[in-house]
Amino acid sequence: MTAVRASDIHIEPREHVIALRYRVVGHLQEIRRFEPRSLIQPIASRIKVMGGMDISEKRLPQDGRIHVRDHIPEAKDFDSRPPWMLDDEDEDLLAA
């Protein structure tokens, strides 16, 4: 797998799938789609826990900080500050 230097990672619920998109050099690129769409809530909860956010808060945006090596020891050392965005039906994640 080739390393990607993404400035943002977007996890977006769509009608039937979840889209994973990276922002590379200012352009969003769809990397992968996941099914079923119902996975968005477990994914959202896990990222919120890792980022020290309140998993019960679904109405207001939240900021968190993830130190990846705290959760995946073999990962390269990097931090993520995932702001949680809201839309009409589901939560979207933008990790910058």
C-alpha atoms as a PDB file:
ATOM      1  CA  MET A   1       0.000   0.000   0.000  1.00  0.00           C
ATOM      2  CA  THR A   2       1.391   3.396  -0.997  1.00  0.00           C
ATOM      3  CA  ALA A   3       1.564   6.131   1.640  1.00  0.00           C
ATOM      4  CA  VAL A   4      -0.838   9.017   1.070  1.00  0.00           C
ATOM      5  CA  ARG A   5      -0.109  12.503   2.400  1.00  0.00           C
ATOM      6  CA  ALA A   6      -3.688  13.540   3.120  1.00  0.00           C
ATOM      7  CA  SER A   7      -4.425  16.735   5.023  1.00  0.00           C
ATOM      8  CA  ASP A   8      -7.998  15.626   5.861  1.00  0.00           C
ATOM      9  CA  ILE A   9      -9.880  12.347   6.083  1.00  0.00           C
ATOM     10  CA  HIS A  10     -13.656  12.447   5.564  1.00  0.00           C
ATOM     11  CA  ILE A  11     -15.977   9.627   6.638  1.00  0.00           C
ATOM     12  CA  GLU A  12     -19.358  10.401   5.115  1.00  0.00           C
ATOM     13  CA  PRO A  13     -22.639   8.477   5.325  1.00  0.00           C
ATOM     14  CA  ARG A  14     -24.354   8.306   1.946  1.00  0.00           C
ATOM     15  CA  GLU A  15     -27.735   6.857   1.002  1.00  0.00           C
ATOM     16  CA  HIS A  16     -26.642   3.190   1.029  1.00  0.00           C
ATOM     17  CA  VAL A  17     -22.909   3.260   1.826  1.00  0.00           C
ATOM     18  CA  ILE A  18     -20.227   5.064   3.818  1.00  0.00           C
ATOM     19  CA  ALA A  19     -17.674   6.959   1.720  1.00  0.00           C
ATOM     20  CA  LEU A  20     -14.055   7.387   2.824  1.00  0.00           C
ATOM     21  CA  ARG A  21     -12.424  10.398   1.177  1.00  0.00           C
ATOM     22  CA  TYR A  22      -8.953  11.959   1.534  1.00  0.00           C
ATOM     23  CA  ARG A  23      -8.052  15.561   0.793  1.00  0.00           C
ATOM     24  CA  VAL A  24      -4.734  15.524  -1.069  1.00  0.00           C
ATOM     25  CA  VAL A  25      -3.284  18.762  -2.435  1.00  0.00           C
ATOM     26  CA  GLY A  26      -6.626  20.509  -1.978  1.00  0.00           C
ATOM     27  CA  HIS A  27      -8.756  17.910  -3.793  1.00  0.00           C
ATOM     28  CA  LEU A  28     -11.083  15.355  -2.206  1.00  0.00           C
ATOM     29  CA  GLN A  29     -10.548  11.849  -3.554  1.00  0.00           C
ATOM     30  CA  GLU A  30     -12.878   8.975  -2.755  1.00  0.00           C
ATOM     31  CA  ILE A  31     -10.701   6.115  -1.569  1.00  0.00           C
ATOM     32  CA  ARG A  32     -13.232   3.481  -0.593  1.00  0.00           C
ATOM     33  CA  ARG A  33     -16.913   2.746   0.053  1.00  0.00           C
ATOM     34  CA  PHE A  34     -18.152   0.574   2.892  1.00  0.00           C
ATOM     35  CA  GLU A  35     -21.387  -1.350   3.220  1.00  0.00           C
ATOM     36  CA  PRO A  36     -23.668  -1.506   5.049  1.00  0.00           C
ATOM     37  CA  ARG A  37     -24.371   2.128   5.841  1.00  0.00           C
ATOM     38  CA  SER A  38     -25.478   1.053   9.321  1.00  0.00           C
ATOM     39  CA  LEU A  39     -21.775   0.777  10.279  1.00  0.00           C
ATOM     40  CA  ILE A  40     -21.606   4.584  10.657  1.00  0.00           C
ATOM     41  CA  GLN A  41     -22.804   4.575  14.285  1.00  0.00           C
ATOM     42  CA  PRO A  42     -20.235   2.011  15.560  1.00  0.00           C
ATOM     43  CA  ILE A  43     -17.484   3.808  13.594  1.00  0.00           C
ATOM     44  CA  ALA A  44     -18.592   7.181  14.971  1.00  0.00           C
ATOM     45  CA  SER A  45     -18.691   5.860  18.542  1.00  0.00           C
ATOM     46  CA  ARG A  46     -15.230   4.290  18.290  1.00  0.00           C
ATOM     47  CA  ILE A  47     -13.630   7.453  16.910  1.00  0.00           C
ATOM     48  CA  LYS A  48     -15.365   9.563  19.564  1.00  0.00           C
ATOM     49  CA  VAL A  49     -14.041   7.288  22.343  1.00  0.00           C
ATOM     50  CA  MET A  50     -10.521   7.391  20.875  1.00  0.00           C
ATOM     51  CA  GLY A  51     -10.753  11.203  20.642  1.00  0.00           C
ATOM     52  CA  GLY A  52     -12.043  11.706  24.180  1.00  0.00           C
ATOM     53  CA  MET A  53     -15.431  12.990  22.996  1.00  0.00           C
ATOM     54  CA  ASP A  54     -18.904  12.430  24.431  1.00  0.00           C
ATOM     55  CA  ILE A  55     -20.496   9.562  22.481  1.00  0.00           C
ATOM     56  CA  SER A  56     -23.983  10.568  23.616  1.00  0.00           C
ATOM     57  CA  GLU A  57     -23.735  14.100  22.162  1.00  0.00           C
ATOM     58  CA  LYS A  58     -25.236  14.078  18.684  1.00  0.00           C
ATOM     59  CA  ARG A  59     -26.602  17.643  18.354  1.00  0.00           C
ATOM     60  CA  LEU A  60     -23.491  19.812  18.804  1.00  0.00           C
ATOM     61  CA  PRO A  61     -20.121  19.664  17.011  1.00  0.00           C
ATOM     62  CA  GLN A  62     -17.234  18.349  19.101  1.00  0.00           C
ATOM     63  CA  ASP A  63     -13.442  18.456  18.892  1.00  0.00           C
ATOM     64  CA  GLY A  64     -11.186  15.650  20.033  1.00  0.00           C
ATOM     65  CA  ARG A  65      -7.583  14.537  19.769  1.00  0.00           C
ATOM     66  CA  ILE A  66      -6.395  11.041  18.886  1.00  0.00           C
ATOM     67  CA  HIS A  67      -2.835   9.880  19.509  1.00  0.00           C
ATOM     68  CA  VAL A  68      -2.811   6.918  17.141  1.00  0.00           C
ATOM     69  CA  ARG A  69       0.072   5.096  18.813  1.00  0.00           C
ATOM     70  CA  ASP A  70      -1.951   4.962  22.053  1.00  0.00           C
ATOM     71  CA  HIS A  71      -4.473   2.750  20.224  1.00  0.00           C
ATOM     72  CA  ILE A  72      -2.364   1.011  17.550  1.00  0.00           C
ATOM     73  CA  PRO A  73       1.219   0.545  18.840  1.00  0.00           C
ATOM     74  CA  GLU A  74       2.627  -0.553  15.465  1.00  0.00           C
ATOM     75  CA  ALA A  75       1.254   2.546  13.685  1.00  0.00           C
ATOM     76  CA  LYS A  76       3.447   5.453  12.672  1.00  0.00           C
ATOM     77  CA  ASP A  77       3.395   8.264  15.196  1.00  0.00           C
ATOM     78  CA  PHE A  78       0.834  10.912  14.254  1.00  0.00           C
ATOM     79  CA  ASP A  79      -1.943  12.812  15.935  1.00  0.00           C
ATOM     80  CA  SER A  80      -5.403  13.524  14.645  1.00  0.00           C
ATOM     81  CA  ARG A  81      -7.801  16.213  15.771  1.00  0.00           C
ATOM     82  CA  PRO A  82     -11.193  14.967  14.595  1.00  0.00           C
ATOM     83  CA  PRO A  83     -13.841  17.680  14.609  1.00  0.00           C
ATOM     84  CA  TRP A  84     -17.262  16.061  14.501  1.00  0.00           C
ATOM     85  CA  MET A  85     -19.679  17.591  12.004  1.00  0.00           C
ATOM     86  CA  LEU A  86     -23.441  17.190  11.948  1.00  0.00           C
ATOM     87  CA  ASP A  87     -25.883  16.959   9.075  1.00  0.00           C
ATOM     88  CA  ASP A  88     -29.634  16.434   8.980  1.00  0.00           C
ATOM     89  CA  GLU A  89     -29.646  12.679   9.649  1.00  0.00           C
ATOM     90  CA  ASP A  90     -26.197  11.416  10.624  1.00  0.00           C
ATOM     91  CA  GLU A  91     -22.906  12.508  11.978  1.00  0.00           C
ATOM     92  CA  ASP A  92     -20.021  13.080   9.570  1.00  0.00           C
ATOM     93  CA  LEU A  93     -16.389  12.845  10.627  1.00  0.00           C
ATOM     94  CA  LEU A  94     -13.625  15.098   9.395  1.00  0.00           C
ATOM     95  CA  ALA A  95     -10.214  14.164  10.791  1.00  0.00           C
ATOM     96  CA  ALA A  96      -7.619  16.832  10.133  1.00  0.00           C
END
